């Protein structure tokens, strides 16, 4: 069947689980669809990073990205934009873009950073480590599992009204130095007196940041693009614990920011001009619906908003129709200390198989794996809304090795309170309640066929078709529970099924949802 046309020149690519759904690979599918729909190679004028920072990792076309939007390998996209809802370390742009430039991708000619994008720096990364240390060693709590990229502390500067914006690189170094110096002094006092970090940890933090960046940039170091000195954070230490070498920090960050002067501008005008020219703006979101700082469950939330309203806040343009694609996987994953109701037993053969695939793009952390939770995705549809769905990694559920025929596939369709017998068909907003519940599953048959080479829905094994159809049906039923007469149902189309990591490993000719519901 022909793909549905996009209803708007604004297209949002969002996660509807707890992150890591494969949103980055969808950007290229969206671009291909726009080209086919319009006949224009430049139909996608802007790919806009909407929220987050260098913690929102994507793998797209074999390229691992943390800060740049996932449009990088599509040179027909005129602008790779960074919205005002993003926090970004100016040094990170060079670290990520220069290796890509060496591989033939045009980055700096297309990079467009909003004037009001917020500057993050070494102080935020140290605060990230310090608050984790405080959580564990002072409060005696479990570690949060932060990425250590300084994202939450950077957003704290926004709410605390201490933000530094990229437009300040267009001004004087004196003014920039004054503001950054004050930030560094605040950070050191917070680390020392609020987080109660021990003096010996100060050096340890700088060493940890250095080791992490050398590891993350090892390929660029091997290729001779950078030396290890580029990633040495120890040069920012002062002569005593809890003191910065303020001059070194100011000089380094001013130099990095000034390199980007020609890339700094007004994203509001860029987006409006792109739409008015008949081209599309693709909003690429970091994290996912259930990691939103207001909708999710602390402490396992991000510091930004991850839903559609943030598109307009970050782009700075008036509200209008958005075509939204909600992305998830054919099973679930989480990182950190989440309550994970559908988590598989680590000894389950499918869990062993999936955990070989599941590591964080930004951090390399092992992800926990679990069964498909239709309740989470149904509530993301009910309260967040999306026009299309994308389900990735269906191929990973094929019987293989110890995961053999006869093994069950489970889909969570509700949560049970064993004390009262009540079944919840939505996600409780109270974490203290949610963590006492257990999942209610429906069991489906699996399949043994390799799906990685399949490109048409009709060629899928019957069991895989029914599994996909049942997942969609469950999401739709949960989203539309208890609707009254005359209320409009939310019924998204299943636009894409991913059957492998490559851009070509996608199924587009999925039946309309009405037909999938019958198949389920």
Protein backbone atom coordinates (compact mmCIF):
# COMPACT_ATOMS: atom_id res chain seq x y z
CA UNK A 1 0.00 0.00 0.00
CA UNK A 2 1.09 3.60 -0.55
CA UNK A 3 2.44 5.45 2.45
CA UNK A 4 0.23 8.10 4.00
CA UNK A 5 1.29 11.64 3.13
CA UNK A 6 2.63 13.84 5.88
CA UNK A 7 -0.08 16.20 7.11
CA UNK A 8 2.32 19.04 7.93
CA UNK A 9 5.65 20.58 6.99
CA UNK A 10 6.63 20.05 10.63
CA UNK A 11 7.47 16.40 11.32
CA UNK A 12 8.35 15.17 14.81
CA UNK A 13 10.36 12.02 15.50
CA UNK A 14 9.71 11.12 19.13
CA UNK A 15 10.26 8.15 21.44
CA UNK A 16 7.23 6.62 23.15
CA UNK A 17 9.01 4.37 25.64
CA UNK A 18 12.02 5.07 27.87
CA UNK A 19 14.51 6.03 25.17
CA UNK A 20 16.88 4.06 22.92
CA UNK A 21 14.07 3.23 20.46
CA UNK A 22 16.06 3.83 17.27
CA UNK A 23 14.67 7.29 16.51
CA UNK A 24 17.84 8.35 14.69
CA UNK A 25 17.48 5.80 11.90
CA UNK A 26 13.96 7.06 11.19
CA UNK A 27 15.22 10.47 10.10
CA UNK A 28 16.51 8.96 6.86
CA UNK A 29 13.27 7.09 6.23
CA UNK A 30 11.35 10.34 6.69
CA UNK A 31 13.68 12.15 4.30
CA UNK A 32 13.25 9.42 1.66
CA UNK A 33 9.47 9.61 2.02
CA UNK A 34 9.53 13.40 1.66
CA UNK A 35 11.60 13.12 -1.50
CA UNK A 36 9.20 10.57 -2.97
CA UNK A 37 6.17 12.62 -1.95
CA UNK A 38 7.42 15.95 -3.33
CA UNK A 39 9.88 15.00 -6.04
CA UNK A 40 12.40 17.38 -4.44
CA UNK A 41 15.85 16.25 -3.31
CA UNK A 42 15.85 19.14 -0.83
CA UNK A 43 12.38 18.42 0.58
CA UNK A 44 13.81 18.18 4.09
CA UNK A 45 15.25 21.66 4.55
CA UNK A 46 16.10 21.40 8.25
CA UNK A 47 16.71 18.60 10.71
CA UNK A 48 16.36 20.25 14.11
CA UNK A 49 17.68 18.82 17.37
CA UNK A 50 14.90 19.78 19.74
CA UNK A 51 16.05 18.94 23.26
CA UNK A 52 18.74 17.36 25.39
CA UNK A 53 22.44 17.63 24.76
CA UNK A 54 25.33 15.26 24.15
CA UNK A 55 23.51 12.64 26.20
CA UNK A 56 20.90 11.84 23.54
CA UNK A 57 22.81 9.37 21.43
CA UNK A 58 21.69 8.10 18.04
CA UNK A 59 23.15 5.61 15.63
CA UNK A 60 22.19 6.46 12.07
CA UNK A 61 23.58 4.86 8.94
CA UNK A 62 26.42 3.39 10.96
CA UNK A 63 27.36 6.82 12.37
CA UNK A 64 27.22 7.28 16.13
CA UNK A 65 26.06 10.72 17.21
CA UNK A 66 25.57 12.39 20.56
CA UNK A 67 25.06 16.09 19.94
CA UNK A 68 24.54 16.58 16.21
CA UNK A 69 21.12 15.81 14.72
CA UNK A 70 20.86 12.59 12.75
CA UNK A 71 20.55 14.29 9.39
CA UNK A 72 24.33 14.41 9.03
CA UNK A 73 24.77 11.66 6.45
CA UNK A 74 22.08 13.09 4.16
CA UNK A 75 23.87 15.91 2.35
CA UNK A 76 20.64 17.05 0.67
CA UNK A 77 19.48 18.44 4.03
CA UNK A 78 20.40 22.12 3.88
CA UNK A 79 20.63 22.77 7.62
CA UNK A 80 21.53 20.74 10.70
CA UNK A 81 19.99 22.94 13.36
CA UNK A 82 20.33 23.08 17.14
CA UNK A 83 17.27 24.53 18.86
CA UNK A 84 17.11 26.80 21.90
CA UNK A 85 15.88 23.84 23.97
CA UNK A 86 19.30 22.20 23.71
CA UNK A 87 22.31 22.52 26.04
CA UNK A 88 25.59 22.12 24.17
CA UNK A 89 29.30 22.17 24.96
CA UNK A 90 30.97 24.13 22.10
CA UNK A 91 33.99 21.84 22.17
CA UNK A 92 31.75 18.85 21.48
CA UNK A 93 30.74 20.21 18.07
CA UNK A 94 34.34 19.98 16.87
CA UNK A 95 34.88 16.57 18.46
CA UNK A 96 31.90 15.14 16.65
CA UNK A 97 31.96 17.09 13.39
CA UNK A 98 35.62 16.98 12.39
CA UNK A 99 35.81 13.17 12.08
CA UNK A 100 32.61 13.27 10.03
CA UNK A 101 34.05 15.97 7.76
CA UNK A 102 37.04 13.69 7.15
CA UNK A 103 34.58 11.00 6.02
CA UNK A 104 33.07 13.34 3.43
CA UNK A 105 30.01 14.63 5.27
CA UNK A 106 29.34 18.35 5.15
CA UNK A 107 28.80 19.47 8.74
CA UNK A 108 30.11 22.97 9.45
CA UNK A 109 28.68 24.38 6.20
CA UNK A 110 25.23 23.23 7.35
CA UNK A 111 25.41 23.58 11.13
CA UNK A 112 23.04 26.26 12.48
CA UNK A 113 23.01 26.88 16.24
CA UNK A 114 20.29 29.06 17.70
CA UNK A 115 21.48 32.21 19.43
CA UNK A 116 19.60 31.10 22.56
CA UNK A 117 21.00 27.57 22.68
CA UNK A 118 22.57 27.22 26.12
CA UNK A 119 26.30 26.74 26.63
CA UNK A 120 27.32 23.82 28.82
CA UNK A 121 30.86 23.41 30.05
CA UNK A 122 33.21 21.45 32.31
CA UNK A 123 31.53 22.79 35.48
CA UNK A 124 28.28 21.06 34.55
CA UNK A 125 30.03 17.75 34.04
CA UNK A 126 31.72 18.03 37.43
CA UNK A 127 28.38 18.88 39.05
CA UNK A 128 26.88 15.80 37.41
CA UNK A 129 29.53 13.62 39.06
CA UNK A 130 29.27 15.48 42.35
CA UNK A 131 25.51 15.08 42.69
CA UNK A 132 25.85 11.39 41.88
CA UNK A 133 28.47 11.14 44.61
CA UNK A 134 26.16 13.01 47.00
CA UNK A 135 23.26 10.70 46.18
CA UNK A 136 25.31 7.59 46.93
CA UNK A 137 27.76 8.61 49.65
CA UNK A 138 25.80 11.21 51.62
CA UNK A 139 22.18 10.13 51.16
CA UNK A 140 22.93 6.42 50.86
CA UNK A 141 20.73 6.04 47.78
CA UNK A 142 21.29 3.95 44.67
CA UNK A 143 23.21 5.68 41.86
CA UNK A 144 20.98 7.42 39.33
CA UNK A 145 22.99 6.17 36.38
CA UNK A 146 23.67 9.61 34.90
CA UNK A 147 25.48 9.88 31.57
CA UNK A 148 27.94 12.28 33.21
CA UNK A 149 27.55 14.73 30.34
CA UNK A 150 26.38 17.57 32.59
CA UNK A 151 22.94 17.91 31.05
CA UNK A 152 20.85 18.29 34.21
CA UNK A 153 23.20 20.85 35.81
CA UNK A 154 23.17 22.84 32.55
CA UNK A 155 19.36 22.96 32.61
CA UNK A 156 19.56 23.91 36.29
CA UNK A 157 21.36 27.07 35.17
CA UNK A 158 18.36 27.83 32.96
CA UNK A 159 15.85 27.52 35.79
CA UNK A 160 18.27 29.30 38.14
CA UNK A 161 18.59 32.17 35.63
CA UNK A 162 22.34 31.75 35.23
CA UNK A 163 22.30 30.60 31.59
CA UNK A 164 24.98 31.52 29.08
CA UNK A 165 23.80 31.55 25.47
CA UNK A 166 25.62 30.99 22.20
CA UNK A 167 24.90 34.58 21.15
CA UNK A 168 27.44 35.61 23.81
CA UNK A 169 30.19 34.25 21.56
CA UNK A 170 29.23 37.11 19.22
CA UNK A 171 30.04 39.68 21.92
CA UNK A 172 33.16 40.50 23.90
CA UNK A 173 35.45 38.01 25.58
CA UNK A 174 35.46 40.20 28.67
CA UNK A 175 31.70 39.83 29.18
CA UNK A 176 31.86 36.09 28.46
CA UNK A 177 34.74 35.64 30.90
CA UNK A 178 32.86 37.47 33.64
CA UNK A 179 29.80 35.25 33.30
CA UNK A 180 31.70 31.98 32.94
CA UNK A 181 33.98 32.80 35.88
CA UNK A 182 30.95 33.36 38.10
CA UNK A 183 29.52 30.04 36.95
CA UNK A 184 32.74 28.22 37.81
CA UNK A 185 32.85 29.73 41.30
CA UNK A 186 29.22 28.74 41.93
CA UNK A 187 29.95 25.21 40.77
CA UNK A 188 32.99 24.78 43.01
CA UNK A 189 31.07 26.06 46.05
CA UNK A 190 28.18 23.73 45.28
CA UNK A 191 30.47 20.73 44.91
CA UNK A 192 32.29 21.53 48.14
CA UNK A 193 29.54 22.74 50.47
CA UNK A 194 26.30 21.28 49.10
CA UNK A 195 27.45 17.96 47.65
CA UNK A 196 30.04 17.56 50.43
CA UNK A 197 32.53 15.95 48.06
CA UNK A 198 35.76 14.87 49.71
CA UNK A 199 38.85 16.83 48.57
CA UNK A 200 40.51 13.75 47.06
CA UNK A 201 37.50 13.27 44.77
CA UNK A 202 38.22 16.59 43.03
CA UNK A 203 41.23 15.21 41.16
CA UNK A 204 39.40 11.93 40.60
CA UNK A 205 36.54 13.69 38.83
CA UNK A 206 38.86 15.35 36.31
CA UNK A 207 40.61 12.05 35.66
CA UNK A 208 37.25 10.35 35.14
CA UNK A 209 36.12 12.93 32.60
CA UNK A 210 39.43 12.67 30.77
CA UNK A 211 39.29 8.88 30.58
CA UNK A 212 35.66 8.95 29.41
CA UNK A 213 36.35 11.36 26.53
CA UNK A 214 39.52 9.59 25.43
CA UNK A 215 37.52 6.38 25.29
CA UNK A 216 34.61 8.03 23.45
CA UNK A 217 36.94 9.63 20.89
CA UNK A 218 39.37 6.75 20.52
CA UNK A 219 38.71 6.33 16.79
CA UNK A 220 39.45 10.00 16.09
CA UNK A 221 42.66 9.72 18.13
CA UNK A 222 43.74 6.60 16.21
CA UNK A 223 43.07 8.39 12.92
CA UNK A 224 45.27 11.31 14.01
CA UNK A 225 42.42 13.85 13.94
CA UNK A 226 42.99 14.69 17.61
CA UNK A 227 45.64 13.94 20.20
CA UNK A 228 44.78 12.74 23.69
CA UNK A 229 45.67 16.20 25.02
CA UNK A 230 42.52 17.56 23.34
CA UNK A 231 40.42 15.60 25.84
CA UNK A 232 42.50 16.32 28.95
CA UNK A 233 40.21 17.91 31.54
CA UNK A 234 42.99 18.04 34.14
CA UNK A 235 44.23 21.32 32.63
CA UNK A 236 41.09 22.96 34.03
CA UNK A 237 42.00 22.15 37.66
CA UNK A 238 43.23 24.82 40.02
CA UNK A 239 46.19 24.41 42.34
CA UNK A 240 43.95 23.32 45.25
CA UNK A 241 40.85 21.14 45.60
CA UNK A 242 37.60 22.89 44.63
CA UNK A 243 39.44 25.51 42.59
CA UNK A 244 39.35 25.88 38.81
CA UNK A 245 42.05 27.23 36.56
CA UNK A 246 39.57 29.86 35.50
CA UNK A 247 41.77 31.39 32.80
CA UNK A 248 42.30 28.00 31.14
CA UNK A 249 38.58 27.26 31.11
CA UNK A 250 37.63 30.70 29.78
CA UNK A 251 40.29 30.63 27.06
CA UNK A 252 39.37 27.12 25.91
CA UNK A 253 35.65 27.72 25.76
CA UNK A 254 35.95 31.15 24.19
CA UNK A 255 38.18 29.71 21.47
CA UNK A 256 35.71 26.85 20.82
CA UNK A 257 32.75 29.21 20.71
CA UNK A 258 34.43 31.71 18.39
CA UNK A 259 35.09 28.90 15.90
CA UNK A 260 31.33 28.57 15.61
CA UNK A 261 30.49 32.25 15.05
CA UNK A 262 29.38 31.72 11.44
CA UNK A 263 27.11 28.88 12.62
CA UNK A 264 25.16 30.94 15.16
CA UNK A 265 21.86 32.53 14.14
CA UNK A 266 18.10 32.73 14.61
CA UNK A 267 16.51 29.28 14.33
CA UNK A 268 13.06 30.88 14.46
CA UNK A 269 13.62 32.63 11.15
CA UNK A 270 15.31 29.58 9.65
CA UNK A 271 12.32 27.34 10.43
CA UNK A 272 9.72 29.84 9.21
CA UNK A 273 11.59 30.46 5.95
CA UNK A 274 11.96 26.73 5.38
CA UNK A 275 8.23 26.09 5.89
CA UNK A 276 7.25 29.07 3.74
CA UNK A 277 9.45 27.75 0.92
CA UNK A 278 7.42 24.53 0.88
CA UNK A 279 10.07 22.38 2.53
CA UNK A 280 9.88 20.42 5.77
CA UNK A 281 11.47 20.76 9.20
CA UNK A 282 12.11 17.44 10.92
CA UNK A 283 12.23 17.73 14.69
CA UNK A 284 14.51 15.11 16.19
CA UNK A 285 13.84 14.51 19.89
CA UNK A 286 16.23 13.12 22.44
CA UNK A 287 15.16 10.64 25.13
CA UNK A 288 11.45 9.71 25.09
CA UNK A 289 7.94 10.34 26.43
CA UNK A 290 8.48 8.56 29.77
CA UNK A 291 11.79 10.33 30.39
CA UNK A 292 10.20 13.78 30.31
CA UNK A 293 11.05 15.67 33.50
CA UNK A 294 7.36 16.26 34.22
CA UNK A 295 5.76 13.03 32.99
CA UNK A 296 8.44 10.53 33.98
CA UNK A 297 9.52 9.04 37.29
CA UNK A 298 12.40 10.68 39.16
CA UNK A 299 15.27 10.20 39.44
CA UNK A 300 15.22 8.43 36.06
CA UNK A 301 14.14 11.37 33.96
CA UNK A 302 15.96 13.76 31.71
CA UNK A 303 16.16 17.49 32.44
CA UNK A 304 14.22 18.60 29.35
CA UNK A 305 10.76 18.19 27.89
CA UNK A 306 10.51 15.35 25.38
CA UNK A 307 7.04 15.90 23.86
CA UNK A 308 5.59 17.86 20.97
CA UNK A 309 5.11 21.22 22.80
CA UNK A 310 8.89 21.44 23.11
CA UNK A 311 9.16 21.47 19.30
CA UNK A 312 7.63 24.95 19.29
CA UNK A 313 9.55 26.15 22.33
CA UNK A 314 12.89 25.03 20.89
CA UNK A 315 12.21 26.24 17.35
CA UNK A 316 10.62 29.42 18.70
CA UNK A 317 7.72 29.42 16.23
CA UNK A 318 3.93 29.63 16.67
CA UNK A 319 1.82 26.54 17.26
CA UNK A 320 0.66 24.73 14.14
CA UNK A 321 -0.09 21.22 12.95
CA UNK A 322 2.70 18.66 13.42
CA UNK A 323 2.94 15.20 11.88
CA UNK A 324 4.24 13.04 14.70
CA UNK A 325 5.89 9.62 14.46
CA UNK A 326 6.07 7.67 17.73
CA UNK A 327 9.00 5.27 17.76
CA UNK A 328 9.48 2.15 19.87
CA UNK A 329 11.07 -1.28 19.71
CA UNK A 330 9.41 -4.68 19.43
CA UNK A 331 10.52 -5.24 23.03
CA UNK A 332 11.52 -2.81 25.77
CA UNK A 333 14.80 -1.61 27.23
CA UNK A 334 15.73 0.70 30.08
CA UNK A 335 18.90 2.00 31.73
CA UNK A 336 19.52 3.38 35.19
CA UNK A 337 17.45 2.40 38.21
CA UNK A 338 14.03 2.43 36.58
CA UNK A 339 11.11 0.46 37.92
CA UNK A 340 10.94 -2.02 35.05
CA UNK A 341 7.73 -3.99 35.37
CA UNK A 342 8.21 -6.06 32.21
CA UNK A 343 11.91 -6.82 32.72
CA UNK A 344 12.96 -10.28 31.62
CA UNK A 345 14.84 -12.58 33.93
CA UNK A 346 18.53 -12.28 33.01
CA UNK A 347 18.69 -16.07 32.63
CA UNK A 348 15.91 -16.13 30.05
CA UNK A 349 17.41 -17.18 26.68
CA UNK A 350 15.84 -14.21 24.88
CA UNK A 351 17.22 -11.82 27.50
CA UNK A 352 20.71 -13.24 26.95
CA UNK A 353 20.33 -12.75 23.20
CA UNK A 354 18.96 -9.20 23.42
CA UNK A 355 21.52 -8.00 25.94
CA UNK A 356 24.24 -8.71 23.40
CA UNK A 357 22.60 -6.04 21.22
CA UNK A 358 21.66 -3.46 23.82
CA UNK A 359 24.28 -0.91 24.84
CA UNK A 360 23.84 2.86 25.13
CA UNK A 361 25.16 4.95 22.23
CA UNK A 362 26.27 7.78 24.53
CA UNK A 363 27.60 5.81 27.46
CA UNK A 364 28.14 2.21 26.40
CA UNK A 365 26.07 1.15 29.41
CA UNK A 366 24.37 -2.25 29.32
CA UNK A 367 20.62 -1.84 28.94
CA UNK A 368 18.08 -3.94 30.79
CA UNK A 369 15.66 -5.76 28.48
CA UNK A 370 12.00 -6.62 28.86
CA UNK A 371 8.77 -7.56 27.12
CA UNK A 372 6.78 -5.09 25.01
CA UNK A 373 4.82 -2.79 27.34
CA UNK A 374 1.69 -1.68 25.48
CA UNK A 375 0.48 0.24 28.53
CA UNK A 376 3.32 2.77 28.39
CA UNK A 377 2.94 3.25 24.65
CA UNK A 378 -0.84 3.45 24.87
CA UNK A 379 -0.67 6.23 27.44
CA UNK A 380 1.93 8.03 25.31
CA UNK A 381 -0.66 7.96 22.51
CA UNK A 382 -3.56 8.96 24.77
CA UNK A 383 -1.85 11.93 26.41
CA UNK A 384 0.98 12.80 24.03
CA UNK A 385 -0.42 11.82 20.66
CA UNK A 386 1.19 10.59 17.47
CA UNK A 387 -0.03 10.07 13.91
CA UNK A 388 2.24 7.18 12.97
CA UNK A 389 4.08 4.43 14.80
CA UNK A 390 7.42 2.87 14.04
CA UNK A 391 8.42 -0.43 15.61
CA UNK A 392 12.12 -1.30 15.36
CA UNK A 393 14.13 -4.48 15.93
CA UNK A 394 11.41 -7.01 15.15
CA UNK A 395 14.19 -9.18 13.71
CA UNK A 396 15.79 -9.52 17.17
CA UNK A 397 12.89 -11.67 18.38
CA UNK A 398 13.59 -14.51 15.92
CA UNK A 399 14.42 -17.83 17.59
CA UNK A 400 18.18 -18.23 17.71
CA UNK A 401 20.65 -20.27 19.75
CA UNK A 402 19.24 -21.01 23.20
CA UNK A 403 16.13 -19.02 22.28
CA UNK A 404 14.41 -21.85 20.45
CA UNK A 405 11.00 -22.78 19.09
CA UNK A 406 8.36 -23.10 21.73
CA UNK A 407 9.56 -20.02 23.61
CA UNK A 408 6.87 -17.50 24.38
CA UNK A 409 6.59 -13.85 23.37
CA UNK A 410 4.78 -11.74 25.94
CA UNK A 411 2.97 -8.42 25.56
CA UNK A 412 2.01 -6.43 28.65
CA UNK A 413 -1.61 -5.23 28.42
CA UNK A 414 -2.18 -4.07 32.00
CA UNK A 415 -0.80 -3.92 35.53
CA UNK A 416 -2.23 -5.93 38.44
CA UNK A 417 -2.45 -4.90 42.08
CA UNK A 418 -2.35 -8.25 43.86
CA UNK A 419 -3.64 -6.74 47.11
CA UNK A 420 -6.85 -5.39 45.64
CA UNK A 421 -7.19 -7.38 42.43
CA UNK A 422 -7.45 -4.14 40.46
CA UNK A 423 -6.05 -4.12 36.94
CA UNK A 424 -4.66 -0.78 35.75
CA UNK A 425 -5.06 -0.11 32.04
CA UNK A 426 -2.92 3.04 32.20
CA UNK A 427 0.36 4.01 33.84
CA UNK A 428 -0.21 5.17 37.44
CA UNK A 429 1.25 8.60 38.06
CA UNK A 430 2.44 7.62 41.54
CA UNK A 431 5.76 5.80 41.51
CA UNK A 432 5.07 4.38 44.98
CA UNK A 433 1.99 2.67 43.53
CA UNK A 434 3.51 1.73 40.19
CA UNK A 435 6.40 -0.21 41.67
CA UNK A 436 4.01 -2.44 43.67
CA UNK A 437 2.24 -3.69 40.52
CA UNK A 438 2.99 -6.65 38.29
CA UNK A 439 2.43 -6.93 34.55
CA UNK A 440 -0.56 -8.68 33.00
CA UNK A 441 0.63 -10.49 29.89
CA UNK A 442 -0.82 -11.97 26.74
CA UNK A 443 1.30 -14.77 25.30
CA UNK A 444 1.91 -15.10 21.56
CA UNK A 445 3.78 -17.57 19.38
CA UNK A 446 7.23 -16.76 18.06
CA UNK A 447 8.92 -17.56 14.74
CA UNK A 448 12.17 -19.07 13.52
CA UNK A 449 12.60 -17.26 10.19
CA UNK A 450 15.32 -14.63 9.71
CA UNK A 451 13.52 -11.32 9.12
CA UNK A 452 16.55 -9.17 8.29
CA UNK A 453 16.14 -9.55 4.52
CA UNK A 454 12.37 -9.05 4.39
CA UNK A 455 11.10 -5.80 2.87
CA UNK A 456 7.37 -6.47 2.50
CA UNK A 457 4.82 -7.05 5.22
CA UNK A 458 3.18 -9.91 3.35
CA UNK A 459 6.49 -11.80 3.38
CA UNK A 460 6.69 -11.85 7.18
CA UNK A 461 5.92 -15.13 8.93
CA UNK A 462 2.30 -15.30 10.10
CA UNK A 463 3.43 -15.30 13.74
CA UNK A 464 5.44 -12.09 13.23
CA UNK A 465 2.48 -10.45 11.51
CA UNK A 466 0.19 -11.35 14.39
CA UNK A 467 2.73 -10.21 16.98
CA UNK A 468 3.02 -6.78 15.35
CA UNK A 469 -0.75 -6.56 14.88
CA UNK A 470 -1.39 -7.49 18.51
CA UNK A 471 1.11 -4.92 19.79
CA UNK A 472 -0.60 -2.18 17.77
CA UNK A 473 -4.06 -3.36 18.81
CA UNK A 474 -3.08 -3.32 22.48
CA UNK A 475 -1.64 0.19 22.22
CA UNK A 476 -4.79 1.46 20.50
CA UNK A 477 -7.12 -0.17 23.02
CA UNK A 478 -5.23 1.26 25.98
CA UNK A 479 -5.14 4.74 24.44
CA UNK A 480 -8.87 4.70 23.75
CA UNK A 481 -10.08 3.08 26.97
CA UNK A 482 -13.32 4.39 28.45
CA UNK A 483 -14.11 6.68 25.54
CA UNK A 484 -17.59 8.15 25.60
CA UNK A 485 -20.01 8.38 22.70
CA UNK A 486 -18.83 10.79 20.05
CA UNK A 487 -15.25 10.99 21.29
CA UNK A 488 -12.67 10.66 18.55
CA UNK A 489 -10.46 7.59 18.75
CA UNK A 490 -6.69 7.83 18.44
CA UNK A 491 -5.67 5.31 15.79
CA UNK A 492 -2.14 5.83 14.42
CA UNK A 493 -0.83 4.16 11.29
CA UNK A 494 2.09 1.77 11.62
CA UNK A 495 4.39 3.50 9.16
CA UNK A 496 7.64 1.55 9.56
CA UNK A 497 8.81 -1.83 10.85
CA UNK A 498 12.56 -2.07 11.40
CA UNK A 499 14.16 -5.46 10.73
CA UNK A 500 17.80 -4.49 11.15
CA UNK A 501 20.07 -1.50 11.83
CA UNK A 502 20.77 -0.50 8.22
CA UNK A 503 18.67 2.17 6.48
CA UNK A 504 17.60 -0.43 3.91
CA UNK A 505 16.28 -2.83 6.57
CA UNK A 506 12.80 -1.38 6.81
CA UNK A 507 9.28 -2.51 5.91
CA UNK A 508 7.06 0.29 4.63
CA UNK A 509 4.05 -1.43 3.04
CA UNK A 510 2.25 -2.10 6.32
CA UNK A 511 -1.54 -2.54 6.14
CA UNK A 512 -3.72 0.22 7.52
CA UNK A 513 -4.33 -0.01 11.24
CA UNK A 514 -7.97 -1.02 10.72
CA UNK A 515 -6.74 -4.11 8.87
CA UNK A 516 -4.03 -4.82 11.45
CA UNK A 517 -6.66 -4.80 14.19
CA UNK A 518 -8.57 -7.51 12.34
CA UNK A 519 -5.37 -9.53 11.92
CA UNK A 520 -4.70 -9.33 15.66
